[in-house]
């Protein structure tokens, strides 16, 4: 993957010096201009709202936001338009969203890769908690470590033992430089002291045909993607790189339970707006998303997709995002991962 983004320049954040405004317009005109943002803020929303989706159309996160959008549209009384802007590990969509006016009419549906980009490409794109204001988490999904049946391992311990005895023989699939699947693979290698070769793919999930055919030996995928293959015996689930077991596959242990501590990753996505968006707009969005996510039919559908819904407060979500940025920044530094 090649990332060639020029530094993001501030957009729409400059201010005319007060003295020039007063000289040009006078106190009365200035008072009218000052009142306009407040009036617009009170009326929000008065026109369609767009959601920039940095994943490809038809991907799991794209499908879910499209199912939630109509309910949000009904609550806000305005159409919701979803625009897919995939590429560069979700950086292309982030850049476009960060450049949008901070008026509440552009929403960015970020994912875990955007928190990784914060450390990987930083100022060459946009800092997630500087160029954006977090609103709330939409969903979280456990990732599952699976292997092809040709791998002589039925447990994570057996996998580690085999990898230690046969360095660079096994392979793992990733979604490319900076993808969460690469960082999980590299973290596992570090904490387990094993050598497993990375096989990068253009996107997460693209490796599935090669994985089920045995051309690549292991991968980290969502349960909804691999559950049928596990049941059919085409893949074998070894562990969940998370603090708790996946509700959809409760018999699969966490990595810590299986004897390897220090690998903790959850696929997540959430709602952001450009920095400077009025606080009342952010609060309204958080409230409306939370209401939608707590609808029984939405929660039931999420459960059927092996996904958990969010909807927490803006403050809680902001704390979570910052912790993710710090965690993956450490992994990137320790593994020596660099943008290509």
C-alpha atoms as a PDB file:
ATOM      1  CA  UNK A   1       0.000   0.000   0.000  1.00  0.00           C
ATOM      2  CA  UNK A   2       1.342   3.435  -0.939  1.00  0.00           C
ATOM      3  CA  UNK A   3       0.245   6.447   1.074  1.00  0.00           C
ATOM      4  CA  UNK A   4       1.195   9.805  -0.465  1.00  0.00           C
ATOM      5  CA  UNK A   5      -0.871  12.421   1.265  1.00  0.00           C
ATOM      6  CA  UNK A   6       0.325  15.980   1.684  1.00  0.00           C
ATOM      7  CA  UNK A   7      -0.064  17.641   5.111  1.00  0.00           C
ATOM      8  CA  UNK A   8      -3.611  18.665   5.822  1.00  0.00           C
ATOM      9  CA  UNK A   9      -4.085  22.434   5.857  1.00  0.00           C
ATOM     10  CA  UNK A  10      -6.640  23.970   8.242  1.00  0.00           C
ATOM     11  CA  UNK A  11      -9.877  24.711   6.474  1.00  0.00           C
ATOM     12  CA  UNK A  12     -12.504  27.166   7.596  1.00  0.00           C
ATOM     13  CA  UNK A  13     -10.834  27.885  10.941  1.00  0.00           C
ATOM     14  CA  UNK A  14      -9.448  31.409  10.333  1.00  0.00           C
ATOM     15  CA  UNK A  15     -10.906  34.603  11.763  1.00  0.00           C
ATOM     16  CA  UNK A  16     -10.931  38.187  10.496  1.00  0.00           C
ATOM     17  CA  UNK A  17      -9.256  40.538  13.029  1.00  0.00           C
ATOM     18  CA  UNK A  18     -11.854  42.213  15.227  1.00  0.00           C
ATOM     19  CA  UNK A  19     -10.615  45.730  14.479  1.00  0.00           C
ATOM     20  CA  UNK A  20     -11.072  45.337  10.742  1.00  0.00           C
ATOM     21  CA  UNK A  21     -14.550  43.903  11.206  1.00  0.00           C
ATOM     22  CA  UNK A  22     -15.597  46.816  13.411  1.00  0.00           C
ATOM     23  CA  UNK A  23     -14.176  49.382  11.022  1.00  0.00           C
ATOM     24  CA  UNK A  24     -15.829  47.822   8.032  1.00  0.00           C
ATOM     25  CA  UNK A  25     -19.210  46.884   9.387  1.00  0.00           C
ATOM     26  CA  UNK A  26     -19.859  48.859  12.544  1.00  0.00           C
ATOM     27  CA  UNK A  27     -21.123  47.579  15.874  1.00  0.00           C
ATOM     28  CA  UNK A  28     -24.717  47.011  14.724  1.00  0.00           C
ATOM     29  CA  UNK A  29     -23.762  44.895  11.723  1.00  0.00           C
ATOM     30  CA  UNK A  30     -21.291  42.916  13.830  1.00  0.00           C
ATOM     31  CA  UNK A  31     -24.054  42.104  16.320  1.00  0.00           C
ATOM     32  CA  UNK A  32     -26.229  40.730  13.520  1.00  0.00           C
ATOM     33  CA  UNK A  33     -23.389  38.598  12.149  1.00  0.00           C
ATOM     34  CA  UNK A  34     -22.617  37.266  15.613  1.00  0.00           C
ATOM     35  CA  UNK A  35     -26.221  36.192  16.094  1.00  0.00           C
ATOM     36  CA  UNK A  36     -26.412  34.247  12.823  1.00  0.00           C
ATOM     37  CA  UNK A  37     -24.435  31.163  13.941  1.00  0.00           C
ATOM     38  CA  UNK A  38     -26.637  30.842  17.008  1.00  0.00           C
ATOM     39  CA  UNK A  39     -29.766  31.000  14.867  1.00  0.00           C
ATOM     40  CA  UNK A  40     -28.397  28.413  12.459  1.00  0.00           C
ATOM     41  CA  UNK A  41     -27.376  26.225  15.355  1.00  0.00           C
ATOM     42  CA  UNK A  42     -30.858  26.326  16.834  1.00  0.00           C
ATOM     43  CA  UNK A  43     -32.404  25.357  13.478  1.00  0.00           C
ATOM     44  CA  UNK A  44     -30.030  22.454  12.777  1.00  0.00           C
ATOM     45  CA  UNK A  45     -30.555  20.393  10.737  1.00  0.00           C
ATOM     46  CA  UNK A  46     -32.214  22.211   7.840  1.00  0.00           C
ATOM     47  CA  UNK A  47     -30.721  20.279   4.911  1.00  0.00           C
ATOM     48  CA  UNK A  48     -29.423  16.779   4.053  1.00  0.00           C
ATOM     49  CA  UNK A  49     -26.536  15.354   6.087  1.00  0.00           C
ATOM     50  CA  UNK A  50     -23.783  13.298   4.493  1.00  0.00           C
ATOM     51  CA  UNK A  51     -21.861  10.471   6.116  1.00  0.00           C
ATOM     52  CA  UNK A  52     -18.405   9.809   4.695  1.00  0.00           C
ATOM     53  CA  UNK A  53     -17.676   6.081   4.824  1.00  0.00           C
ATOM     54  CA  UNK A  54     -13.965   5.208   4.391  1.00  0.00           C
ATOM     55  CA  UNK A  55     -14.696   1.525   3.687  1.00  0.00           C
ATOM     56  CA  UNK A  56     -15.821  -0.017   0.423  1.00  0.00           C
ATOM     57  CA  UNK A  57     -19.506  -0.385  -0.363  1.00  0.00           C
ATOM     58  CA  UNK A  58     -20.815  -3.735   0.823  1.00  0.00           C
ATOM     59  CA  UNK A  59     -18.281  -4.140   3.615  1.00  0.00           C
ATOM     60  CA  UNK A  60     -19.589  -5.010   7.086  1.00  0.00           C
ATOM     61  CA  UNK A  61     -19.264  -1.457   8.454  1.00  0.00           C
ATOM     62  CA  UNK A  62     -20.802   0.027   5.295  1.00  0.00           C
ATOM     63  CA  UNK A  63     -23.777  -2.314   5.471  1.00  0.00           C
ATOM     64  CA  UNK A  64     -24.407  -1.478   9.114  1.00  0.00           C
ATOM     65  CA  UNK A  65     -24.253   2.309   8.755  1.00  0.00           C
ATOM     66  CA  UNK A  66     -26.673   2.049   5.825  1.00  0.00           C
ATOM     67  CA  UNK A  67     -29.113   0.164   8.027  1.00  0.00           C
ATOM     68  CA  UNK A  68     -28.840   2.703  10.836  1.00  0.00           C
ATOM     69  CA  UNK A  69     -28.984   5.787   8.577  1.00  0.00           C
ATOM     70  CA  UNK A  70     -32.730   5.633   7.741  1.00  0.00           C
ATOM     71  CA  UNK A  71     -33.630   5.624  11.446  1.00  0.00           C
ATOM     72  CA  UNK A  72     -31.312   8.567  12.062  1.00  0.00           C
ATOM     73  CA  UNK A  73     -32.863  10.360   9.095  1.00  0.00           C
ATOM     74  CA  UNK A  74     -36.318   9.863  10.581  1.00  0.00           C
ATOM     75  CA  UNK A  75     -35.189  11.199  13.966  1.00  0.00           C
ATOM     76  CA  UNK A  76     -33.516  14.303  12.503  1.00  0.00           C
ATOM     77  CA  UNK A  77     -36.102  14.985   9.799  1.00  0.00           C
ATOM     78  CA  UNK A  78     -33.511  15.218   7.012  1.00  0.00           C
ATOM     79  CA  UNK A  79     -32.152  12.851   4.350  1.00  0.00           C
ATOM     80  CA  UNK A  80     -28.882  11.050   5.137  1.00  0.00           C
ATOM     81  CA  UNK A  81     -26.520  10.581   2.196  1.00  0.00           C
ATOM     82  CA  UNK A  82     -23.704   8.033   2.507  1.00  0.00           C
ATOM     83  CA  UNK A  83     -20.586   8.588   0.401  1.00  0.00           C
ATOM     84  CA  UNK A  84     -17.954   5.843   0.171  1.00  0.00           C
ATOM     85  CA  UNK A  85     -14.377   7.150   0.085  1.00  0.00           C
ATOM     86  CA  UNK A  86     -12.206   4.036   0.589  1.00  0.00           C
ATOM     87  CA  UNK A  87      -8.453   3.762   0.275  1.00  0.00           C
ATOM     88  CA  UNK A  88      -5.121   4.300   2.052  1.00  0.00           C
ATOM     89  CA  UNK A  89      -6.207   2.344   5.145  1.00  0.00           C
ATOM     90  CA  UNK A  90      -9.241   4.674   5.582  1.00  0.00           C
ATOM     91  CA  UNK A  91      -7.077   7.816   5.312  1.00  0.00           C
ATOM     92  CA  UNK A  92      -8.669   9.120   2.104  1.00  0.00           C
ATOM     93  CA  UNK A  93     -12.122   9.341   3.664  1.00  0.00           C
ATOM     94  CA  UNK A  94     -10.661  10.892   6.810  1.00  0.00           C
ATOM     95  CA  UNK A  95      -8.942  13.628   4.861  1.00  0.00           C
ATOM     96  CA  UNK A  96     -12.079  14.588   2.978  1.00  0.00           C
ATOM     97  CA  UNK A  97     -14.176  14.617   6.135  1.00  0.00           C
ATOM     98  CA  UNK A  98     -11.642  16.737   8.030  1.00  0.00           C
ATOM     99  CA  UNK A  99     -11.757  19.369   5.296  1.00  0.00           C
ATOM    100  CA  UNK A 100     -15.539  19.677   5.422  1.00  0.00           C
ATOM    101  CA  UNK A 101     -17.180  22.694   7.097  1.00  0.00           C
ATOM    102  CA  UNK A 102     -17.693  22.193  10.827  1.00  0.00           C
ATOM    103  CA  UNK A 103     -21.416  22.857  10.600  1.00  0.00           C
ATOM    104  CA  UNK A 104     -22.950  19.500  11.495  1.00  0.00           C
ATOM    105  CA  UNK A 105     -23.720  18.496   7.919  1.00  0.00           C
ATOM    106  CA  UNK A 106     -20.751  16.156   7.478  1.00  0.00           C
ATOM    107  CA  UNK A 107     -20.287  13.046   9.623  1.00  0.00           C
ATOM    108  CA  UNK A 108     -17.265  10.765   9.459  1.00  0.00           C
ATOM    109  CA  UNK A 109     -17.835   7.055  10.099  1.00  0.00           C
ATOM    110  CA  UNK A 110     -14.325   6.195  11.304  1.00  0.00           C
ATOM    111  CA  UNK A 111     -12.995   2.763  12.202  1.00  0.00           C
ATOM    112  CA  UNK A 112     -10.099   1.262  14.137  1.00  0.00           C
ATOM    113  CA  UNK A 113      -7.760   1.809  11.178  1.00  0.00           C
ATOM    114  CA  UNK A 114      -8.138   5.569  11.621  1.00  0.00           C
ATOM    115  CA  UNK A 115      -6.810   5.338  15.175  1.00  0.00           C
ATOM    116  CA  UNK A 116      -3.870   3.329  13.808  1.00  0.00           C
ATOM    117  CA  UNK A 117      -3.245   5.965  11.128  1.00  0.00           C
ATOM    118  CA  UNK A 118      -2.824   8.552  13.870  1.00  0.00           C
ATOM    119  CA  UNK A 119       0.514   6.960  14.756  1.00  0.00           C
ATOM    120  CA  UNK A 120       1.382   5.522  11.348  1.00  0.00           C
ATOM    121  CA  UNK A 121       1.007   8.563   9.071  1.00  0.00           C
ATOM    122  CA  UNK A 122       0.059  11.260  11.586  1.00  0.00           C
ATOM    123  CA  UNK A 123       0.298  14.762  10.148  1.00  0.00           C
ATOM    124  CA  UNK A 124       0.373  13.432   6.584  1.00  0.00           C
ATOM    125  CA  UNK A 125      -3.357  12.849   6.971  1.00  0.00           C
ATOM    126  CA  UNK A 126      -5.243  13.975  10.045  1.00  0.00           C
ATOM    127  CA  UNK A 127      -5.113  13.396  13.779  1.00  0.00           C
ATOM    128  CA  UNK A 128      -8.306  11.676  14.845  1.00  0.00           C
ATOM    129  CA  UNK A 129      -8.854  13.597  18.102  1.00  0.00           C
ATOM    130  CA  UNK A 130      -7.488  16.898  16.760  1.00  0.00           C
ATOM    131  CA  UNK A 131      -9.066  17.250  13.320  1.00  0.00           C
ATOM    132  CA  UNK A 132     -12.279  15.592  14.553  1.00  0.00           C
ATOM    133  CA  UNK A 133     -14.602  15.637  17.527  1.00  0.00           C
ATOM    134  CA  UNK A 134     -15.667  12.131  18.641  1.00  0.00           C
ATOM    135  CA  UNK A 135     -19.433  11.641  19.002  1.00  0.00           C
ATOM    136  CA  UNK A 136     -20.097   7.999  19.932  1.00  0.00           C
ATOM    137  CA  UNK A 137     -19.126   4.427  19.119  1.00  0.00           C
ATOM    138  CA  UNK A 138     -21.386   2.662  16.655  1.00  0.00           C
ATOM    139  CA  UNK A 139     -20.371  -1.004  16.965  1.00  0.00           C
ATOM    140  CA  UNK A 140     -17.586  -3.298  18.149  1.00  0.00           C
ATOM    141  CA  UNK A 141     -16.759  -6.701  16.724  1.00  0.00           C
ATOM    142  CA  UNK A 142     -14.489  -9.408  18.091  1.00  0.00           C
ATOM    143  CA  UNK A 143     -11.807 -10.791  15.803  1.00  0.00           C
ATOM    144  CA  UNK A 144     -11.027 -14.491  15.670  1.00  0.00           C
ATOM    145  CA  UNK A 145      -7.694 -16.182  14.998  1.00  0.00           C
ATOM    146  CA  UNK A 146      -8.315 -19.042  12.588  1.00  0.00           C
ATOM    147  CA  UNK A 147      -5.997 -21.486  10.855  1.00  0.00           C
ATOM    148  CA  UNK A 148      -6.302 -23.784   7.873  1.00  0.00           C
ATOM    149  CA  UNK A 149      -6.739 -27.459   8.915  1.00  0.00           C
ATOM    150  CA  UNK A 150      -3.375 -28.267   7.326  1.00  0.00           C
ATOM    151  CA  UNK A 151      -1.692 -26.446  10.227  1.00  0.00           C
ATOM    152  CA  UNK A 152      -0.806 -29.108  12.850  1.00  0.00           C
ATOM    153  CA  UNK A 153      -2.362 -27.186  15.731  1.00  0.00           C
ATOM    154  CA  UNK A 154      -5.727 -27.450  17.453  1.00  0.00           C
ATOM    155  CA  UNK A 155      -4.860 -24.917  20.176  1.00  0.00           C
ATOM    156  CA  UNK A 156      -2.984 -21.625  20.290  1.00  0.00           C
ATOM    157  CA  UNK A 157      -0.234 -23.262  22.374  1.00  0.00           C
ATOM    158  CA  UNK A 158       0.288 -25.914  19.701  1.00  0.00           C
ATOM    159  CA  UNK A 159       0.392 -23.188  17.040  1.00  0.00           C
ATOM    160  CA  UNK A 160       3.054 -21.275  18.986  1.00  0.00           C
ATOM    161  CA  UNK A 161       5.091 -24.433  19.616  1.00  0.00           C
ATOM    162  CA  UNK A 162       4.975 -25.359  15.928  1.00  0.00           C
ATOM    163  CA  UNK A 163       5.896 -21.824  14.836  1.00  0.00           C
ATOM    164  CA  UNK A 164       8.875 -21.788  17.214  1.00  0.00           C
ATOM    165  CA  UNK A 165      10.105 -25.101  15.889  1.00  0.00           C
ATOM    166  CA  UNK A 166       9.518 -24.045  12.264  1.00  0.00           C
ATOM    167  CA  UNK A 167      10.384 -20.331  11.936  1.00  0.00           C
ATOM    168  CA  UNK A 168       9.051 -18.514   8.864  1.00  0.00           C
ATOM    169  CA  UNK A 169       7.186 -21.601   7.649  1.00  0.00           C
ATOM    170  CA  UNK A 170       3.712 -20.432   8.664  1.00  0.00           C
ATOM    171  CA  UNK A 171       2.037 -17.393   7.085  1.00  0.00           C
ATOM    172  CA  UNK A 172      -0.608 -14.972   8.264  1.00  0.00           C
ATOM    173  CA  UNK A 173      -2.883 -12.789   6.132  1.00  0.00           C
ATOM    174  CA  UNK A 174      -3.207  -9.060   6.698  1.00  0.00           C
ATOM    175  CA  UNK A 175      -5.144  -6.203   5.145  1.00  0.00           C
ATOM    176  CA  UNK A 176      -1.884  -4.412   4.341  1.00  0.00           C
ATOM    177  CA  UNK A 177       0.354  -1.914   6.092  1.00  0.00           C
ATOM    178  CA  UNK A 178      -1.347  -0.408   9.132  1.00  0.00           C
ATOM    179  CA  UNK A 179      -4.423  -2.638   9.000  1.00  0.00           C
ATOM    180  CA  UNK A 180      -5.574  -3.988  12.355  1.00  0.00           C
ATOM    181  CA  UNK A 181      -4.971  -7.533  11.087  1.00  0.00           C
ATOM    182  CA  UNK A 182      -1.308  -6.712  10.472  1.00  0.00           C
ATOM    183  CA  UNK A 183      -0.898  -5.199  13.937  1.00  0.00           C
ATOM    184  CA  UNK A 184      -2.494  -8.216  15.635  1.00  0.00           C
ATOM    185  CA  UNK A 185      -0.181 -10.539  13.708  1.00  0.00           C
ATOM    186  CA  UNK A 186       2.911  -8.525  14.581  1.00  0.00           C
ATOM    187  CA  UNK A 187       1.883  -8.216  18.219  1.00  0.00           C
ATOM    188  CA  UNK A 188       1.351 -11.976  18.466  1.00  0.00           C
ATOM    189  CA  UNK A 189       4.807 -12.567  16.992  1.00  0.00           C
ATOM    190  CA  UNK A 190       6.384 -10.232  19.540  1.00  0.00           C
ATOM    191  CA  UNK A 191       4.730 -11.553  22.683  1.00  0.00           C
ATOM    192  CA  UNK A 192       4.948 -15.245  21.661  1.00  0.00           C
ATOM    193  CA  UNK A 193       8.489 -15.017  20.289  1.00  0.00           C
ATOM    194  CA  UNK A 194       7.668 -16.617  16.955  1.00  0.00           C
ATOM    195  CA  UNK A 195       8.462 -15.944  13.297  1.00  0.00           C
ATOM    196  CA  UNK A 196       5.473 -16.054  10.963  1.00  0.00           C
ATOM    197  CA  UNK A 197       5.538 -14.462   7.504  1.00  0.00           C
ATOM    198  CA  UNK A 198       2.986 -11.775   6.627  1.00  0.00           C
ATOM    199  CA  UNK A 199       1.023 -12.049   3.377  1.00  0.00           C
ATOM    200  CA  UNK A 200      -0.644  -8.663   2.720  1.00  0.00           C
ATOM    201  CA  UNK A 201      -3.938  -8.317   0.860  1.00  0.00           C
ATOM    202  CA  UNK A 202      -5.622  -5.209  -0.505  1.00  0.00           C
ATOM    203  CA  UNK A 203      -8.294  -5.215   2.167  1.00  0.00           C
ATOM    204  CA  UNK A 204      -9.472  -7.124   5.228  1.00  0.00           C
ATOM    205  CA  UNK A 205     -11.525 -10.116   4.110  1.00  0.00           C
ATOM    206  CA  UNK A 206      -9.916 -10.386   0.677  1.00  0.00           C
ATOM    207  CA  UNK A 207      -7.766 -13.248   1.949  1.00  0.00           C
ATOM    208  CA  UNK A 208     -10.678 -15.596   2.674  1.00  0.00           C
ATOM    209  CA  UNK A 209     -10.505 -17.638  -0.578  1.00  0.00           C
ATOM    210  CA  UNK A 210      -6.768 -18.203  -0.149  1.00  0.00           C
ATOM    211  CA  UNK A 211      -7.229 -19.001   3.528  1.00  0.00           C
ATOM    212  CA  UNK A 212      -9.879 -21.671   2.973  1.00  0.00           C
ATOM    213  CA  UNK A 213      -7.748 -23.123   0.151  1.00  0.00           C
ATOM    214  CA  UNK A 214      -4.702 -23.315   2.423  1.00  0.00           C
ATOM    215  CA  UNK A 215      -2.515 -20.902   0.417  1.00  0.00           C
ATOM    216  CA  UNK A 216      -2.182 -18.741   3.533  1.00  0.00           C
ATOM    217  CA  UNK A 217      -2.275 -20.489   6.889  1.00  0.00           C
ATOM    218  CA  UNK A 218      -3.813 -18.130   9.441  1.00  0.00           C
ATOM    219  CA  UNK A 219      -5.792 -14.896   9.680  1.00  0.00           C
ATOM    220  CA  UNK A 220      -7.740 -12.703  12.084  1.00  0.00           C
ATOM    221  CA  UNK A 221     -11.339 -12.240  10.972  1.00  0.00           C
ATOM    222  CA  UNK A 222     -14.760 -11.433  12.388  1.00  0.00           C
ATOM    223  CA  UNK A 223     -16.836 -14.422  13.545  1.00  0.00           C
ATOM    224  CA  UNK A 224     -19.619 -13.536  11.115  1.00  0.00           C
ATOM    225  CA  UNK A 225     -17.119 -14.029   8.263  1.00  0.00           C
ATOM    226  CA  UNK A 226     -15.621 -17.332   9.366  1.00  0.00           C
ATOM    227  CA  UNK A 227     -18.290 -19.078  11.482  1.00  0.00           C
ATOM    228  CA  UNK A 228     -19.731 -21.132   8.607  1.00  0.00           C
ATOM    229  CA  UNK A 229     -16.256 -22.158   7.466  1.00  0.00           C
ATOM    230  CA  UNK A 230     -15.402 -23.254  11.006  1.00  0.00           C
ATOM    231  CA  UNK A 231     -18.596 -25.301  11.263  1.00  0.00           C
ATOM    232  CA  UNK A 232     -17.860 -26.912   7.892  1.00  0.00           C
ATOM    233  CA  UNK A 233     -14.306 -27.800   8.929  1.00  0.00           C
ATOM    234  CA  UNK A 234     -12.655 -25.574   6.320  1.00  0.00           C
ATOM    235  CA  UNK A 235     -11.077 -23.472   9.083  1.00  0.00           C
ATOM    236  CA  UNK A 236     -10.189 -24.029  12.733  1.00  0.00           C
ATOM    237  CA  UNK A 237     -10.763 -21.322  15.361  1.00  0.00           C
ATOM    238  CA  UNK A 238      -7.938 -21.086  17.899  1.00  0.00           C
ATOM    239  CA  UNK A 239      -8.430 -17.955  19.991  1.00  0.00           C
ATOM    240  CA  UNK A 240      -9.910 -14.470  20.336  1.00  0.00           C
ATOM    241  CA  UNK A 241      -7.387 -11.613  20.610  1.00  0.00           C
ATOM    242  CA  UNK A 242      -9.607  -9.792  23.074  1.00  0.00           C
ATOM    243  CA  UNK A 243     -10.172  -9.497  26.810  1.00  0.00           C
ATOM    244  CA  UNK A 244     -13.316 -11.641  26.678  1.00  0.00           C
ATOM    245  CA  UNK A 245     -14.770 -14.398  24.542  1.00  0.00           C
ATOM    246  CA  UNK A 246     -16.909 -13.638  21.502  1.00  0.00           C
ATOM    247  CA  UNK A 247     -20.627 -14.097  22.387  1.00  0.00           C
ATOM    248  CA  UNK A 248     -21.267 -15.694  18.991  1.00  0.00           C
ATOM    249  CA  UNK A 249     -18.533 -18.338  19.515  1.00  0.00           C
ATOM    250  CA  UNK A 250     -18.317 -18.773  23.300  1.00  0.00           C
ATOM    251  CA  UNK A 251     -16.357 -22.041  23.142  1.00  0.00           C
ATOM    252  CA  UNK A 252     -13.299 -20.320  21.628  1.00  0.00           C
ATOM    253  CA  UNK A 253     -10.928 -19.095  24.376  1.00  0.00           C
ATOM    254  CA  UNK A 254      -9.292 -15.693  24.545  1.00  0.00           C
ATOM    255  CA  UNK A 255      -5.586 -15.597  23.782  1.00  0.00           C
ATOM    256  CA  UNK A 256      -4.848 -14.969  27.456  1.00  0.00           C
ATOM    257  CA  UNK A 257      -6.880 -18.045  28.402  1.00  0.00           C
ATOM    258  CA  UNK A 258      -4.996 -20.003  25.744  1.00  0.00           C
ATOM    259  CA  UNK A 259      -1.636 -19.043  27.230  1.00  0.00           C
ATOM    260  CA  UNK A 260      -0.592 -15.903  25.296  1.00  0.00           C
ATOM    261  CA  UNK A 261      -1.112 -12.602  27.118  1.00  0.00           C
ATOM    262  CA  UNK A 262      -0.652  -9.108  25.736  1.00  0.00           C
ATOM    263  CA  UNK A 263      -2.727  -9.305  22.541  1.00  0.00           C
ATOM    264  CA  UNK A 264      -5.942  -7.318  22.875  1.00  0.00           C
ATOM    265  CA  UNK A 265      -7.782  -6.022  19.810  1.00  0.00           C
ATOM    266  CA  UNK A 266     -11.396  -5.245  19.028  1.00  0.00           C
ATOM    267  CA  UNK A 267     -12.630  -4.097  15.650  1.00  0.00           C
ATOM    268  CA  UNK A 268     -14.675  -0.941  16.214  1.00  0.00           C
ATOM    269  CA  UNK A 269     -16.206   1.930  14.301  1.00  0.00           C
ATOM    270  CA  UNK A 270     -17.685   5.199  15.454  1.00  0.00           C
ATOM    271  CA  UNK A 271     -19.141   8.575  14.633  1.00  0.00           C
ATOM    272  CA  UNK A 272     -17.009  11.732  14.355  1.00  0.00           C
ATOM    273  CA  UNK A 273     -17.547  15.272  13.093  1.00  0.00           C
ATOM    274  CA  UNK A 274     -15.001  17.895  11.974  1.00  0.00           C
ATOM    275  CA  UNK A 275     -13.365  19.738  14.869  1.00  0.00           C
ATOM    276  CA  UNK A 276     -15.165  22.985  15.639  1.00  0.00           C
ATOM    277  CA  UNK A 277     -18.655  21.575  15.067  1.00  0.00           C
ATOM    278  CA  UNK A 278     -20.995  23.342  17.544  1.00  0.00           C
ATOM    279  CA  UNK A 279     -21.322  21.490  20.837  1.00  0.00           C
ATOM    280  CA  UNK A 280     -25.163  21.393  20.738  1.00  0.00           C
ATOM    281  CA  UNK A 281     -24.960  19.615  17.369  1.00  0.00           C
ATOM    282  CA  UNK A 282     -22.527  17.040  18.752  1.00  0.00           C
ATOM    283  CA  UNK A 283     -24.785  16.422  21.758  1.00  0.00           C
ATOM    284  CA  UNK A 284     -27.843  16.041  19.546  1.00  0.00           C
ATOM    285  CA  UNK A 285     -26.058  13.572  17.287  1.00  0.00           C
ATOM    286  CA  UNK A 286     -24.881  11.521  20.263  1.00  0.00           C
ATOM    287  CA  UNK A 287     -28.394  11.405  21.691  1.00  0.00           C
ATOM    288  CA  UNK A 288     -30.026  10.415  18.416  1.00  0.00           C
ATOM    289  CA  UNK A 289     -27.446   7.746  17.574  1.00  0.00           C
ATOM    290  CA  UNK A 290     -27.766   6.352  21.097  1.00  0.00           C
ATOM    291  CA  UNK A 291     -31.566   6.154  20.763  1.00  0.00           C
ATOM    292  CA  UNK A 292     -31.297   4.368  17.425  1.00  0.00           C
ATOM    293  CA  UNK A 293     -28.675   1.922  18.685  1.00  0.00           C
ATOM    294  CA  UNK A 294     -30.835   1.035  21.668  1.00  0.00           C
ATOM    295  CA  UNK A 295     -33.835   0.066  19.551  1.00  0.00           C
ATOM    296  CA  UNK A 296     -34.571  -3.620  20.013  1.00  0.00           C
ATOM    297  CA  UNK A 297     -34.547  -4.401  16.300  1.00  0.00           C
ATOM    298  CA  UNK A 298     -31.161  -2.698  15.900  1.00  0.00           C
ATOM    299  CA  UNK A 299     -29.644  -4.593  18.826  1.00  0.00           C
ATOM    300  CA  UNK A 300     -31.116  -7.885  17.612  1.00  0.00           C
ATOM    301  CA  UNK A 301     -29.714  -7.357  14.133  1.00  0.00           C
ATOM    302  CA  UNK A 302     -26.312  -6.488  15.584  1.00  0.00           C
ATOM    303  CA  UNK A 303     -26.353  -9.678  17.624  1.00  0.00           C
ATOM    304  CA  UNK A 304     -27.161 -11.692  14.493  1.00  0.00           C
ATOM    305  CA  UNK A 305     -24.032 -10.201  12.914  1.00  0.00           C
ATOM    306  CA  UNK A 306     -21.902 -11.063  15.971  1.00  0.00           C
ATOM    307  CA  UNK A 307     -21.612  -7.349  16.700  1.00  0.00           C
ATOM    308  CA  UNK A 308     -22.222  -5.254  19.818  1.00  0.00           C
ATOM    309  CA  UNK A 309     -23.663  -1.754  19.569  1.00  0.00           C
ATOM    310  CA  UNK A 310     -22.214   1.321  21.257  1.00  0.00           C
ATOM    311  CA  UNK A 311     -23.979   4.601  21.930  1.00  0.00           C
ATOM    312  CA  UNK A 312     -21.920   5.676  24.960  1.00  0.00           C
ATOM    313  CA  UNK A 313     -21.391   9.309  25.896  1.00  0.00           C
ATOM    314  CA  UNK A 314     -19.083  11.581  23.929  1.00  0.00           C
ATOM    315  CA  UNK A 315     -16.717  11.762  26.909  1.00  0.00           C
ATOM    316  CA  UNK A 316     -16.522   7.969  27.250  1.00  0.00           C
ATOM    317  CA  UNK A 317     -15.960   7.509  23.536  1.00  0.00           C
ATOM    318  CA  UNK A 318     -13.233  10.166  23.458  1.00  0.00           C
ATOM    319  CA  UNK A 319     -11.378   8.404  26.268  1.00  0.00           C
ATOM    320  CA  UNK A 320     -11.664   5.092  24.427  1.00  0.00           C
ATOM    321  CA  UNK A 321     -10.362   6.535  21.147  1.00  0.00           C
ATOM    322  CA  UNK A 322      -7.349   8.112  22.845  1.00  0.00           C
ATOM    323  CA  UNK A 323      -6.513   4.804  24.513  1.00  0.00           C
ATOM    324  CA  UNK A 324      -6.679   3.042  21.128  1.00  0.00           C
ATOM    325  CA  UNK A 325      -4.362   5.607  19.528  1.00  0.00           C
ATOM    326  CA  UNK A 326      -1.836   5.172  22.339  1.00  0.00           C
ATOM    327  CA  UNK A 327      -2.027   1.360  22.279  1.00  0.00           C
ATOM    328  CA  UNK A 328      -1.530   0.938  18.548  1.00  0.00           C
ATOM    329  CA  UNK A 329       1.116   3.646  18.494  1.00  0.00           C
ATOM    330  CA  UNK A 330       3.177   1.501  20.861  1.00  0.00           C
ATOM    331  CA  UNK A 331       2.729  -1.599  18.692  1.00  0.00           C
ATOM    332  CA  UNK A 332       3.725   0.305  15.541  1.00  0.00           C
ATOM    333  CA  UNK A 333       6.852   1.617  17.239  1.00  0.00           C
ATOM    334  CA  UNK A 334       7.848  -1.748  18.732  1.00  0.00           C
ATOM    335  CA  UNK A 335       7.244  -3.636  15.480  1.00  0.00           C
ATOM    336  CA  UNK A 336       9.011  -0.982  13.385  1.00  0.00           C
ATOM    337  CA  UNK A 337       6.034  -0.624  11.027  1.00  0.00           C
ATOM    338  CA  UNK A 338       6.309   2.293   8.581  1.00  0.00           C
ATOM    339  CA  UNK A 339       3.958   3.649   5.937  1.00  0.00           C
ATOM    340  CA  UNK A 340       4.962   2.594   2.437  1.00  0.00           C
END
